[in-house]
Amino acid sequence: MRNKQPDDCGFAAALQAIGGKWKTSLLWALHLRPHRFAELRRLSPGISEKVLSQQLRQMEADGLISRHDYNEVPPRVQYAITPLGVSLNDAVTAMSRWGKQHEAWKARQKSAA
């Protein structure tokens, strides 16, 4: 039987914040510098405008990125990482490092068999 208690360790909340195919790559791009919507779309080949918009809205709602609307015609909107997003990006970088080590370990296990 699964425990119905809230996630005390916070890991599930972190995974939800970065869940989805595109959030980590978008977070990394915004870690490097602010970007406009079209720039993010070009940096993420294969992502639809709808999915990009959804992912950005979710990340903004989670406090990971900020959205600045310049109120110009034509519309100009820029997205930037927040301090909370930077701290999550640091955690994701550590997970990425672990993932690479794990893949190397699996390759060694496979070649030893």
PDB file of N, CA and C in Angstrom:
ATOM      1  N   MET A   1       0.835  -1.178   0.000  1.00  0.00           N
ATOM      2  CA  MET A   1       0.000   0.000   0.000  1.00  0.00           C
ATOM      3  C   MET A   1       0.883   1.246   0.000  1.00  0.00           C
ATOM      4  N   ARG A   2       0.590   2.197  -0.877  1.00  0.00           N
ATOM      5  CA  ARG A   2       1.394   3.409  -0.988  1.00  0.00           C
ATOM      6  C   ARG A   2       1.041   4.383   0.116  1.00  0.00           C
ATOM      7  N   ASN A   3       2.047   5.047   0.583  1.00  0.00           N
ATOM      8  CA  ASN A   3       1.879   6.051   1.619  1.00  0.00           C
ATOM      9  C   ASN A   3       1.236   7.298   1.009  1.00  0.00           C
ATOM     10  N   LYS A   4       0.170   7.801   1.593  1.00  0.00           N
ATOM     11  CA  LYS A   4      -0.538   8.976   1.086  1.00  0.00           C
ATOM     12  C   LYS A   4      -0.041  10.266   1.734  1.00  0.00           C
ATOM     13  N   GLN A   5       1.060  10.194   2.481  1.00  0.00           N
ATOM     14  CA  GLN A   5       1.603  11.366   3.146  1.00  0.00           C
ATOM     15  C   GLN A   5       2.264  12.289   2.119  1.00  0.00           C
ATOM     16  N   PRO A   6       2.333  13.574   2.424  1.00  0.00           N
ATOM     17  CA  PRO A   6       3.018  14.500   1.524  1.00  0.00           C
ATOM     18  C   PRO A   6       4.493  14.130   1.380  1.00  0.00           C
ATOM     19  N   ASP A   7       5.087  14.592   0.321  1.00  0.00           N
ATOM     20  CA  ASP A   7       6.499  14.344   0.043  1.00  0.00           C
ATOM     21  C   ASP A   7       7.356  15.184   0.988  1.00  0.00           C
ATOM     22  N   ASP A   8       7.819  14.579   2.076  1.00  0.00           N
ATOM     23  CA  ASP A   8       8.600  15.309   3.065  1.00  0.00           C
ATOM     24  C   ASP A   8      10.002  15.663   2.577  1.00  0.00           C
ATOM     25  N   CYS A   9      10.569  14.846   1.699  1.00  0.00           N
ATOM     26  CA  CYS A   9      11.938  15.103   1.276  1.00  0.00           C
ATOM     27  C   CYS A   9      12.020  16.128   0.153  1.00  0.00           C
ATOM     28  N   GLY A  10      10.934  16.381  -0.545  1.00  0.00           N
ATOM     29  CA  GLY A  10      10.927  17.385  -1.597  1.00  0.00           C
ATOM     30  C   GLY A  10      11.372  16.896  -2.959  1.00  0.00           C
ATOM     31  N   PHE A  11      11.813  15.648  -3.051  1.00  0.00           N
ATOM     32  CA  PHE A  11      12.324  15.138  -4.326  1.00  0.00           C
ATOM     33  C   PHE A  11      11.226  15.119  -5.398  1.00  0.00           C
ATOM     34  N   ALA A  12      10.025  14.708  -5.027  1.00  0.00           N
ATOM     35  CA  ALA A  12       8.928  14.664  -5.992  1.00  0.00           C
ATOM     36  C   ALA A  12       8.605  16.064  -6.511  1.00  0.00           C
ATOM     37  N   ALA A  13       8.659  17.058  -5.644  1.00  0.00           N
ATOM     38  CA  ALA A  13       8.403  18.439  -6.074  1.00  0.00           C
ATOM     39  C   ALA A  13       9.472  18.903  -7.058  1.00  0.00           C
ATOM     40  N   ALA A  14      10.708  18.531  -6.804  1.00  0.00           N
ATOM     41  CA  ALA A  14      11.795  18.895  -7.714  1.00  0.00           C
ATOM     42  C   ALA A  14      11.615  18.227  -9.066  1.00  0.00           C
ATOM     43  N   LEU A  15      11.266  16.932  -9.044  1.00  0.00           N
ATOM     44  CA  LEU A  15      11.056  16.225 -10.307  1.00  0.00           C
ATOM     45  C   LEU A  15       9.885  16.805 -11.083  1.00  0.00           C
ATOM     46  N   GLN A  16       8.842  17.214 -10.390  1.00  0.00           N
ATOM     47  CA  GLN A  16       7.707  17.820 -11.070  1.00  0.00           C
ATOM     48  C   GLN A  16       8.112  19.145 -11.725  1.00  0.00           C
ATOM     49  N   ALA A  17       8.957  19.919 -11.060  1.00  0.00           N
ATOM     50  CA  ALA A  17       9.395  21.203 -11.600  1.00  0.00           C
ATOM     51  C   ALA A  17      10.210  21.032 -12.876  1.00  0.00           C
ATOM     52  N   ILE A  18      10.963  19.941 -12.986  1.00  0.00           N
ATOM     53  CA  ILE A  18      11.784  19.727 -14.188  1.00  0.00           C
ATOM     54  C   ILE A  18      11.209  18.650 -15.086  1.00  0.00           C
ATOM     55  N   GLY A  19      10.033  18.113 -14.719  1.00  0.00           N
ATOM     56  CA  GLY A  19       9.419  17.053 -15.512  1.00  0.00           C
ATOM     57  C   GLY A  19       9.050  17.539 -16.898  1.00  0.00           C
ATOM     58  N   GLY A  20       9.030  16.631 -17.804  1.00  0.00           N
ATOM     59  CA  GLY A  20       8.735  16.970 -19.193  1.00  0.00           C
ATOM     60  C   GLY A  20      10.004  16.897 -20.017  1.00  0.00           C
ATOM     61  N   LYS A  21       9.804  16.733 -21.284  1.00  0.00           N
ATOM     62  CA  LYS A  21      10.934  16.520 -22.197  1.00  0.00           C
ATOM     63  C   LYS A  21      11.814  17.758 -22.363  1.00  0.00           C
ATOM     64  N   TRP A  22      11.262  18.946 -22.227  1.00  0.00           N
ATOM     65  CA  TRP A  22      11.964  20.152 -22.635  1.00  0.00           C
ATOM     66  C   TRP A  22      12.447  21.053 -21.507  1.00  0.00           C
ATOM     67  N   LYS A  23      11.924  20.899 -20.315  1.00  0.00           N
ATOM     68  CA  LYS A  23      12.207  21.882 -19.265  1.00  0.00           C
ATOM     69  C   LYS A  23      13.689  22.004 -18.927  1.00  0.00           C
ATOM     70  N   THR A  24      14.404  20.904 -18.852  1.00  0.00           N
ATOM     71  CA  THR A  24      15.822  21.010 -18.487  1.00  0.00           C
ATOM     72  C   THR A  24      16.632  21.732 -19.556  1.00  0.00           C
ATOM     73  N   SER A  25      16.345  21.472 -20.832  1.00  0.00           N
ATOM     74  CA  SER A  25      17.095  22.166 -21.883  1.00  0.00           C
ATOM     75  C   SER A  25      16.711  23.647 -21.949  1.00  0.00           C
ATOM     76  N   LEU A  26      15.439  23.954 -21.695  1.00  0.00           N
ATOM     77  CA  LEU A  26      15.020  25.357 -21.664  1.00  0.00           C
ATOM     78  C   LEU A  26      15.669  26.073 -20.481  1.00  0.00           C
ATOM     79  N   LEU A  27      15.700  25.405 -19.349  1.00  0.00           N
ATOM     80  CA  LEU A  27      16.321  25.983 -18.159  1.00  0.00           C
ATOM     81  C   LEU A  27      17.798  26.258 -18.412  1.00  0.00           C
ATOM     82  N   TRP A  28      18.463  25.334 -19.076  1.00  0.00           N
ATOM     83  CA  TRP A  28      19.893  25.526 -19.369  1.00  0.00           C
ATOM     84  C   TRP A  28      20.099  26.697 -20.325  1.00  0.00           C
ATOM     85  N   ALA A  29      19.276  26.784 -21.366  1.00  0.00           N
ATOM     86  CA  ALA A  29      19.409  27.890 -22.324  1.00  0.00           C
ATOM     87  C   ALA A  29      19.215  29.233 -21.619  1.00  0.00           C
ATOM     88  N   LEU A  30      18.242  29.294 -20.730  1.00  0.00           N
ATOM     89  CA  LEU A  30      17.984  30.544 -20.017  1.00  0.00           C
ATOM     90  C   LEU A  30      19.034  30.807 -18.944  1.00  0.00           C
ATOM     91  N   HIS A  31      19.715  29.771 -18.500  1.00  0.00           N
ATOM     92  CA  HIS A  31      20.823  29.935 -17.551  1.00  0.00           C
ATOM     93  C   HIS A  31      21.970  30.691 -18.235  1.00  0.00           C
ATOM     94  N   LEU A  32      22.136  30.451 -19.524  1.00  0.00           N
ATOM     95  CA  LEU A  32      23.222  31.091 -20.268  1.00  0.00           C
ATOM     96  C   LEU A  32      22.936  32.569 -20.503  1.00  0.00           C
ATOM     97  N   ARG A  33      21.666  32.903 -20.834  1.00  0.00           N
ATOM     98  CA  ARG A  33      21.253  34.294 -21.046  1.00  0.00           C
ATOM     99  C   ARG A  33      19.751  34.321 -21.300  1.00  0.00           C
ATOM    100  N   PRO A  34      19.122  35.494 -21.147  1.00  0.00           N
ATOM    101  CA  PRO A  34      17.692  35.602 -21.469  1.00  0.00           C
ATOM    102  C   PRO A  34      17.460  35.366 -22.965  1.00  0.00           C
ATOM    103  N   HIS A  35      16.279  34.852 -23.284  1.00  0.00           N
ATOM    104  CA  HIS A  35      15.925  34.571 -24.679  1.00  0.00           C
ATOM    105  C   HIS A  35      14.490  34.978 -24.950  1.00  0.00           C
ATOM    106  N   ARG A  36      14.244  35.274 -26.206  1.00  0.00           N
ATOM    107  CA  ARG A  36      12.882  35.492 -26.664  1.00  0.00           C
ATOM    108  C   ARG A  36      12.285  34.147 -27.069  1.00  0.00           C
ATOM    109  N   PHE A  37      10.955  34.117 -27.216  1.00  0.00           N
ATOM    110  CA  PHE A  37      10.234  32.887 -27.526  1.00  0.00           C
ATOM    111  C   PHE A  37      10.792  32.212 -28.780  1.00  0.00           C
ATOM    112  N   ALA A  38      10.940  32.971 -29.856  1.00  0.00           N
ATOM    113  CA  ALA A  38      11.410  32.393 -31.126  1.00  0.00           C
ATOM    114  C   ALA A  38      12.823  31.830 -30.989  1.00  0.00           C
ATOM    115  N   GLU A  39      13.661  32.482 -30.197  1.00  0.00           N
ATOM    116  CA  GLU A  39      15.016  31.964 -29.980  1.00  0.00           C
ATOM    117  C   GLU A  39      14.967  30.618 -29.276  1.00  0.00           C
ATOM    118  N   LEU A  40      14.110  30.513 -28.261  1.00  0.00           N
ATOM    119  CA  LEU A  40      13.979  29.243 -27.542  1.00  0.00           C
ATOM    120  C   LEU A  40      13.452  28.150 -28.462  1.00  0.00           C
ATOM    121  N   ARG A  41      12.556  28.508 -29.340  1.00  0.00           N
ATOM    122  CA  ARG A  41      12.023  27.523 -30.292  1.00  0.00           C
ATOM    123  C   ARG A  41      13.121  27.028 -31.225  1.00  0.00           C
ATOM    124  N   ARG A  42      13.965  27.934 -31.705  1.00  0.00           N
ATOM    125  CA  ARG A  42      15.077  27.540 -32.582  1.00  0.00           C
ATOM    126  C   ARG A  42      16.100  26.676 -31.839  1.00  0.00           C
ATOM    127  N   LEU A  43      16.283  26.946 -30.547  1.00  0.00           N
ATOM    128  CA  LEU A  43      17.244  26.174 -29.752  1.00  0.00           C
ATOM    129  C   LEU A  43      16.727  24.790 -29.387  1.00  0.00           C
ATOM    130  N   SER A  44      15.431  24.562 -29.596  1.00  0.00           N
ATOM    131  CA  SER A  44      14.800  23.290 -29.221  1.00  0.00           C
ATOM    132  C   SER A  44      14.129  22.660 -30.432  1.00  0.00           C
ATOM    133  N   PRO A  45      14.907  22.134 -31.382  1.00  0.00           N
ATOM    134  CA  PRO A  45      14.301  21.559 -32.570  1.00  0.00           C
ATOM    135  C   PRO A  45      13.352  20.419 -32.192  1.00  0.00           C
ATOM    136  N   GLY A  46      12.189  20.431 -32.798  1.00  0.00           N
ATOM    137  CA  GLY A  46      11.206  19.392 -32.546  1.00  0.00           C
ATOM    138  C   GLY A  46      10.117  19.810 -31.581  1.00  0.00           C
ATOM    139  N   ILE A  47      10.288  20.911 -30.890  1.00  0.00           N
ATOM    140  CA  ILE A  47       9.258  21.366 -29.950  1.00  0.00           C
ATOM    141  C   ILE A  47       8.226  22.204 -30.715  1.00  0.00           C
ATOM    142  N   SER A  48       6.964  21.983 -30.419  1.00  0.00           N
ATOM    143  CA  SER A  48       5.914  22.781 -31.055  1.00  0.00           C
ATOM    144  C   SER A  48       5.734  24.080 -30.274  1.00  0.00           C
ATOM    145  N   GLU A  49       5.132  25.070 -30.908  1.00  0.00           N
ATOM    146  CA  GLU A  49       4.868  26.336 -30.222  1.00  0.00           C
ATOM    147  C   GLU A  49       3.968  26.114 -29.017  1.00  0.00           C
ATOM    148  N   LYS A  50       2.990  25.229 -29.168  1.00  0.00           N
ATOM    149  CA  LYS A  50       2.048  24.952 -28.080  1.00  0.00           C
ATOM    150  C   LYS A  50       2.776  24.377 -26.865  1.00  0.00           C
ATOM    151  N   VAL A  51       3.624  23.386 -27.085  1.00  0.00           N
ATOM    152  CA  VAL A  51       4.347  22.742 -25.986  1.00  0.00           C
ATOM    153  C   VAL A  51       5.335  23.727 -25.370  1.00  0.00           C
ATOM    154  N   LEU A  52       6.036  24.499 -26.193  1.00  0.00           N
ATOM    155  CA  LEU A  52       6.969  25.487 -25.666  1.00  0.00           C
ATOM    156  C   LEU A  52       6.238  26.488 -24.778  1.00  0.00           C
ATOM    157  N   SER A  53       5.113  26.955 -25.246  1.00  0.00           N
ATOM    158  CA  SER A  53       4.320  27.899 -24.468  1.00  0.00           C
ATOM    159  C   SER A  53       3.870  27.286 -23.145  1.00  0.00           C
ATOM    160  N   GLN A  54       3.414  26.040 -23.180  1.00  0.00           N
ATOM    161  CA  GLN A  54       2.984  25.349 -21.947  1.00  0.00           C
ATOM    162  C   GLN A  54       4.141  25.188 -20.969  1.00  0.00           C
ATOM    163  N   GLN A  55       5.284  24.753 -21.475  1.00  0.00           N
ATOM    164  CA  GLN A  55       6.445  24.527 -20.616  1.00  0.00           C
ATOM    165  C   GLN A  55       6.901  25.839 -19.972  1.00  0.00           C
ATOM    166  N   LEU A  56       6.920  26.919 -20.761  1.00  0.00           N
ATOM    167  CA  LEU A  56       7.332  28.211 -20.234  1.00  0.00           C
ATOM    168  C   LEU A  56       6.348  28.713 -19.173  1.00  0.00           C
ATOM    169  N   ARG A  57       5.048  28.533 -19.424  1.00  0.00           N
ATOM    170  CA  ARG A  57       4.044  28.949 -18.438  1.00  0.00           C
ATOM    171  C   ARG A  57       4.204  28.174 -17.137  1.00  0.00           C
ATOM    172  N   GLN A  58       4.431  26.859 -17.239  1.00  0.00           N
ATOM    173  CA  GLN A  58       4.610  26.039 -16.039  1.00  0.00           C
ATOM    174  C   GLN A  58       5.860  26.467 -15.268  1.00  0.00           C
ATOM    175  N   MET A  59       6.947  26.716 -15.992  1.00  0.00           N
ATOM    176  CA  MET A  59       8.182  27.127 -15.335  1.00  0.00           C
ATOM    177  C   MET A  59       8.035  28.507 -14.690  1.00  0.00           C
ATOM    178  N   GLU A  60       7.271  29.376 -15.328  1.00  0.00           N
ATOM    179  CA  GLU A  60       7.016  30.694 -14.740  1.00  0.00           C
ATOM    180  C   GLU A  60       6.162  30.544 -13.475  1.00  0.00           C
ATOM    181  N   ALA A  61       5.132  29.697 -13.531  1.00  0.00           N
ATOM    182  CA  ALA A  61       4.272  29.464 -12.367  1.00  0.00           C
ATOM    183  C   ALA A  61       5.055  28.847 -11.208  1.00  0.00           C
ATOM    184  N   ASP A  62       6.074  28.047 -11.527  1.00  0.00           N
ATOM    185  CA  ASP A  62       6.912  27.425 -10.502  1.00  0.00           C
ATOM    186  C   ASP A  62       8.007  28.361  -9.997  1.00  0.00           C
ATOM    187  N   GLY A  63       8.097  29.565 -10.576  1.00  0.00           N
ATOM    188  CA  GLY A  63       9.087  30.544 -10.128  1.00  0.00           C
ATOM    189  C   GLY A  63      10.486  30.318 -10.661  1.00  0.00           C
ATOM    190  N   LEU A  64      10.611  29.463 -11.687  1.00  0.00           N
ATOM    191  CA  LEU A  64      11.937  29.142 -12.231  1.00  0.00           C
ATOM    192  C   LEU A  64      12.411  30.166 -13.250  1.00  0.00           C
ATOM    193  N   ILE A  65      11.468  30.782 -13.950  1.00  0.00           N
ATOM    194  CA  ILE A  65      11.800  31.782 -14.961  1.00  0.00           C
ATOM    195  C   ILE A  65      10.881  32.981 -14.785  1.00  0.00           C
ATOM    196  N   SER A  66      11.301  34.097 -15.355  1.00  0.00           N
ATOM    197  CA  SER A  66      10.457  35.289 -15.375  1.00  0.00           C
ATOM    198  C   SER A  66      10.167  35.637 -16.829  1.00  0.00           C
ATOM    199  N   ARG A  67       9.045  36.285 -17.024  1.00  0.00           N
ATOM    200  CA  ARG A  67       8.607  36.691 -18.364  1.00  0.00           C
ATOM    201  C   ARG A  67       8.472  38.206 -18.362  1.00  0.00           C
ATOM    202  N   HIS A  68       9.174  38.867 -19.281  1.00  0.00           N
ATOM    203  CA  HIS A  68       9.089  40.320 -19.371  1.00  0.00           C
ATOM    204  C   HIS A  68       8.449  40.695 -20.701  1.00  0.00           C
ATOM    205  N   ASP A  69       7.284  41.320 -20.613  1.00  0.00           N
ATOM    206  CA  ASP A  69       6.563  41.794 -21.795  1.00  0.00           C
ATOM    207  C   ASP A  69       6.887  43.277 -21.966  1.00  0.00           C
ATOM    208  N   TYR A  70       7.448  43.635 -23.112  1.00  0.00           N
ATOM    209  CA  TYR A  70       7.879  45.008 -23.353  1.00  0.00           C
ATOM    210  C   TYR A  70       6.738  45.915 -23.824  1.00  0.00           C
ATOM    211  N   ASN A  71       5.534  45.369 -24.010  1.00  0.00           N
ATOM    212  CA  ASN A  71       4.372  46.145 -24.474  1.00  0.00           C
ATOM    213  C   ASN A  71       4.678  46.954 -25.722  1.00  0.00           C
ATOM    214  N   GLU A  72       5.245  46.266 -26.710  1.00  0.00           N
ATOM    215  CA  GLU A  72       5.581  46.896 -27.987  1.00  0.00           C
ATOM    216  C   GLU A  72       4.795  46.230 -29.092  1.00  0.00           C
ATOM    217  N   VAL A  73       4.740  46.911 -30.240  1.00  0.00           N
ATOM    218  CA  VAL A  73       4.174  46.331 -31.445  1.00  0.00           C
ATOM    219  C   VAL A  73       5.292  46.329 -32.469  1.00  0.00           C
ATOM    220  N   PRO A  74       5.653  45.188 -33.034  1.00  0.00           N
ATOM    221  CA  PRO A  74       5.124  43.859 -32.737  1.00  0.00           C
ATOM    222  C   PRO A  74       5.510  43.436 -31.315  1.00  0.00           C
ATOM    223  N   PRO A  75       4.758  42.472 -30.771  1.00  0.00           N
ATOM    224  CA  PRO A  75       5.008  42.055 -29.392  1.00  0.00           C
ATOM    225  C   PRO A  75       6.429  41.538 -29.193  1.00  0.00           C
ATOM    226  N   ARG A  76       6.996  41.922 -28.063  1.00  0.00           N
ATOM    227  CA  ARG A  76       8.334  41.446 -27.706  1.00  0.00           C
ATOM    228  C   ARG A  76       8.278  40.976 -26.258  1.00  0.00           C
ATOM    229  N   VAL A  77       8.587  39.695 -26.064  1.00  0.00           N
ATOM    230  CA  VAL A  77       8.587  39.083 -24.739  1.00  0.00           C
ATOM    231  C   VAL A  77       9.928  38.383 -24.565  1.00  0.00           C
ATOM    232  N   GLN A  78      10.504  38.533 -23.392  1.00  0.00           N
ATOM    233  CA  GLN A  78      11.781  37.888 -23.105  1.00  0.00           C
ATOM    234  C   GLN A  78      11.663  37.082 -21.815  1.00  0.00           C
ATOM    235  N   TYR A  79      12.285  35.919 -21.834  1.00  0.00           N
ATOM    236  CA  TYR A  79      12.281  35.018 -20.680  1.00  0.00           C
ATOM    237  C   TYR A  79      13.682  34.987 -20.088  1.00  0.00           C
ATOM    238  N   ALA A  80      13.746  34.954 -18.755  1.00  0.00           N
ATOM    239  CA  ALA A  80      15.030  34.903 -18.053  1.00  0.00           C
ATOM    240  C   ALA A  80      14.901  33.950 -16.871  1.00  0.00           C
ATOM    241  N   ILE A  81      16.011  33.403 -16.475  1.00  0.00           N
ATOM    242  CA  ILE A  81      16.030  32.499 -15.320  1.00  0.00           C
ATOM    243  C   ILE A  81      15.979  33.332 -14.036  1.00  0.00           C
ATOM    244  N   THR A  82      15.324  32.816 -13.023  1.00  0.00           N
ATOM    245  CA  THR A  82      15.260  33.469 -11.714  1.00  0.00           C
ATOM    246  C   THR A  82      16.317  32.847 -10.796  1.00  0.00           C
ATOM    247  N   PRO A  83      16.588  33.454  -9.653  1.00  0.00           N
ATOM    248  CA  PRO A  83      17.516  32.822  -8.702  1.00  0.00           C
ATOM    249  C   PRO A  83      17.062  31.410  -8.301  1.00  0.00           C
ATOM    250  N   LEU A  84      15.759  31.207  -8.170  1.00  0.00           N
ATOM    251  CA  LEU A  84      15.257  29.862  -7.860  1.00  0.00           C
ATOM    252  C   LEU A  84      15.573  28.903  -9.005  1.00  0.00           C
ATOM    253  N   GLY A  85      15.435  29.364 -10.239  1.00  0.00           N
ATOM    254  CA  GLY A  85      15.769  28.547 -11.406  1.00  0.00           C
ATOM    255  C   GLY A  85      17.247  28.216 -11.466  1.00  0.00           C
ATOM    256  N   VAL A  86      18.090  29.182 -11.097  1.00  0.00           N
ATOM    257  CA  VAL A  86      19.541  28.930 -11.066  1.00  0.00           C
ATOM    258  C   VAL A  86      19.849  27.836 -10.056  1.00  0.00           C
ATOM    259  N   SER A  87      19.201  27.907  -8.891  1.00  0.00           N
ATOM    260  CA  SER A  87      19.469  26.887  -7.873  1.00  0.00           C
ATOM    261  C   SER A  87      19.005  25.513  -8.342  1.00  0.00           C
ATOM    262  N   LEU A  88      17.887  25.445  -9.069  1.00  0.00           N
ATOM    263  CA  LEU A  88      17.438  24.159  -9.612  1.00  0.00           C
ATOM    264  C   LEU A  88      18.388  23.688 -10.702  1.00  0.00           C
ATOM    265  N   ASN A  89      18.877  24.600 -11.518  1.00  0.00           N
ATOM    266  CA  ASN A  89      19.822  24.231 -12.573  1.00  0.00           C
ATOM    267  C   ASN A  89      21.083  23.626 -11.965  1.00  0.00           C
ATOM    268  N   ASP A  90      21.530  24.146 -10.826  1.00  0.00           N
ATOM    269  CA  ASP A  90      22.699  23.566 -10.146  1.00  0.00           C
ATOM    270  C   ASP A  90      22.406  22.122  -9.738  1.00  0.00           C
ATOM    271  N   ALA A  91      21.197  21.870  -9.233  1.00  0.00           N
ATOM    272  CA  ALA A  91      20.813  20.508  -8.840  1.00  0.00           C
ATOM    273  C   ALA A  91      20.742  19.591 -10.058  1.00  0.00           C
ATOM    274  N   VAL A  92      20.197  20.088 -11.154  1.00  0.00           N
ATOM    275  CA  VAL A  92      20.084  19.294 -12.380  1.00  0.00           C
ATOM    276  C   VAL A  92      21.470  18.969 -12.926  1.00  0.00           C
ATOM    277  N   THR A  93      22.399  19.903 -12.810  1.00  0.00           N
ATOM    278  CA  THR A  93      23.774  19.664 -13.263  1.00  0.00           C
ATOM    279  C   THR A  93      24.399  18.516 -12.469  1.00  0.00           C
ATOM    280  N   ALA A  94      24.157  18.497 -11.171  1.00  0.00           N
ATOM    281  CA  ALA A  94      24.667  17.398 -10.342  1.00  0.00           C
ATOM    282  C   ALA A  94      24.031  16.071 -10.757  1.00  0.00           C
ATOM    283  N   MET A  95      22.734  16.086 -11.058  1.00  0.00           N
ATOM    284  CA  MET A  95      22.060  14.860 -11.507  1.00  0.00           C
ATOM    285  C   MET A  95      22.616  14.412 -12.856  1.00  0.00           C
ATOM    286  N   SER A  96      22.920  15.355 -13.727  1.00  0.00           N
ATOM    287  CA  SER A  96      23.488  15.025 -15.033  1.00  0.00           C
ATOM    288  C   SER A  96      24.852  14.361 -14.870  1.00  0.00           C
ATOM    289  N   ARG A  97      25.653  14.897 -13.977  1.00  0.00           N
ATOM    290  CA  ARG A  97      26.975  14.309 -13.708  1.00  0.00           C
ATOM    291  C   ARG A  97      26.818  12.871 -13.204  1.00  0.00           C
ATOM    292  N   TRP A  98      25.868  12.665 -12.281  1.00  0.00           N
ATOM    293  CA  TRP A  98      25.607  11.322 -11.779  1.00  0.00           C
ATOM    294  C   TRP A  98      25.150  10.400 -12.911  1.00  0.00           C
ATOM    295  N   GLY A  99      24.274  10.904 -13.786  1.00  0.00           N
ATOM    296  CA  GLY A  99      23.778  10.095 -14.896  1.00  0.00           C
ATOM    297  C   GLY A  99      24.899   9.631 -15.814  1.00  0.00           C
ATOM    298  N   LYS A 100      25.855  10.518 -16.086  1.00  0.00           N
ATOM    299  CA  LYS A 100      26.993  10.142 -16.924  1.00  0.00           C
ATOM    300  C   LYS A 100      27.841   9.073 -16.249  1.00  0.00           C
ATOM    301  N   GLN A 101      28.048   9.211 -14.938  1.00  0.00           N
ATOM    302  CA  GLN A 101      28.804   8.196 -14.193  1.00  0.00           C
ATOM    303  C   GLN A 101      28.068   6.862 -14.215  1.00  0.00           C
ATOM    304  N   HIS A 102      26.776   6.913 -14.090  1.00  0.00           N
ATOM    305  CA  HIS A 102      25.971   5.689 -14.084  1.00  0.00           C
ATOM    306  C   HIS A 102      26.027   4.993 -15.449  1.00  0.00           C
ATOM    307  N   GLU A 103      25.930   5.759 -16.512  1.00  0.00           N
ATOM    308  CA  GLU A 103      26.026   5.181 -17.856  1.00  0.00           C
ATOM    309  C   GLU A 103      27.391   4.523 -18.064  1.00  0.00           C
ATOM    310  N   ALA A 104      28.455   5.159 -17.589  1.00  0.00           N
ATOM    311  CA  ALA A 104      29.799   4.574 -17.706  1.00  0.00           C
ATOM    312  C   ALA A 104      29.878   3.279 -16.900  1.00  0.00           C
ATOM    313  N   TRP A 105      29.294   3.264 -15.713  1.00  0.00           N
ATOM    314  CA  TRP A 105      29.269   2.058 -14.885  1.00  0.00           C
ATOM    315  C   TRP A 105      28.527   0.933 -15.599  1.00  0.00           C
ATOM    316  N   LYS A 106      27.375   1.251 -16.197  1.00  0.00           N
ATOM    317  CA  LYS A 106      26.605   0.222 -16.924  1.00  0.00           C
ATOM    318  C   LYS A 106      27.391  -0.312 -18.110  1.00  0.00           C
ATOM    319  N   ALA A 107      28.108   0.561 -18.798  1.00  0.00           N
ATOM    320  CA  ALA A 107      28.924   0.112 -19.944  1.00  0.00           C
ATOM    321  C   ALA A 107      30.034  -0.830 -19.489  1.00  0.00           C
ATOM    322  N   ARG A 108      30.658  -0.503 -18.342  1.00  0.00           N
ATOM    323  CA  ARG A 108      31.713  -1.396 -17.809  1.00  0.00           C
ATOM    324  C   ARG A 108      31.124  -2.744 -17.409  1.00  0.00           C
ATOM    325  N   GLN A 109      29.940  -2.752 -16.808  1.00  0.00           N
ATOM    326  CA  GLN A 109      29.295  -3.988 -16.398  1.00  0.00           C
ATOM    327  C   GLN A 109      28.974  -4.851 -17.621  1.00  0.00           C
ATOM    328  N   LYS A 110      28.506  -4.198 -18.665  1.00  0.00           N
ATOM    329  CA  LYS A 110      28.133  -4.920 -19.890  1.00  0.00           C
ATOM    330  C   LYS A 110      29.364  -5.521 -20.564  1.00  0.00           C
ATOM    331  N   SER A 111      30.468  -4.760 -20.598  1.00  0.00           N
ATOM    332  CA  SER A 111      31.676  -5.263 -21.261  1.00  0.00           C
ATOM    333  C   SER A 111      32.358  -6.357 -20.431  1.00  0.00           C
ATOM    334  N   ALA A 112      32.143  -6.345 -19.108  1.00  0.00           N
ATOM    335  CA  ALA A 112      32.735  -7.371 -18.256  1.00  0.00           C
ATOM    336  C   ALA A 112      31.957  -8.687 -18.332  1.00  0.00           C
ATOM    337  N   ALA A 113      30.716  -8.629 -18.775  1.00  0.00           N
ATOM    338  CA  ALA A 113      29.861  -9.840 -18.809  1.00  0.00           C
ATOM    339  C   ALA A 113      30.172 -10.730 -19.978  1.00  0.00           C
TER     340      ALA A 113
END
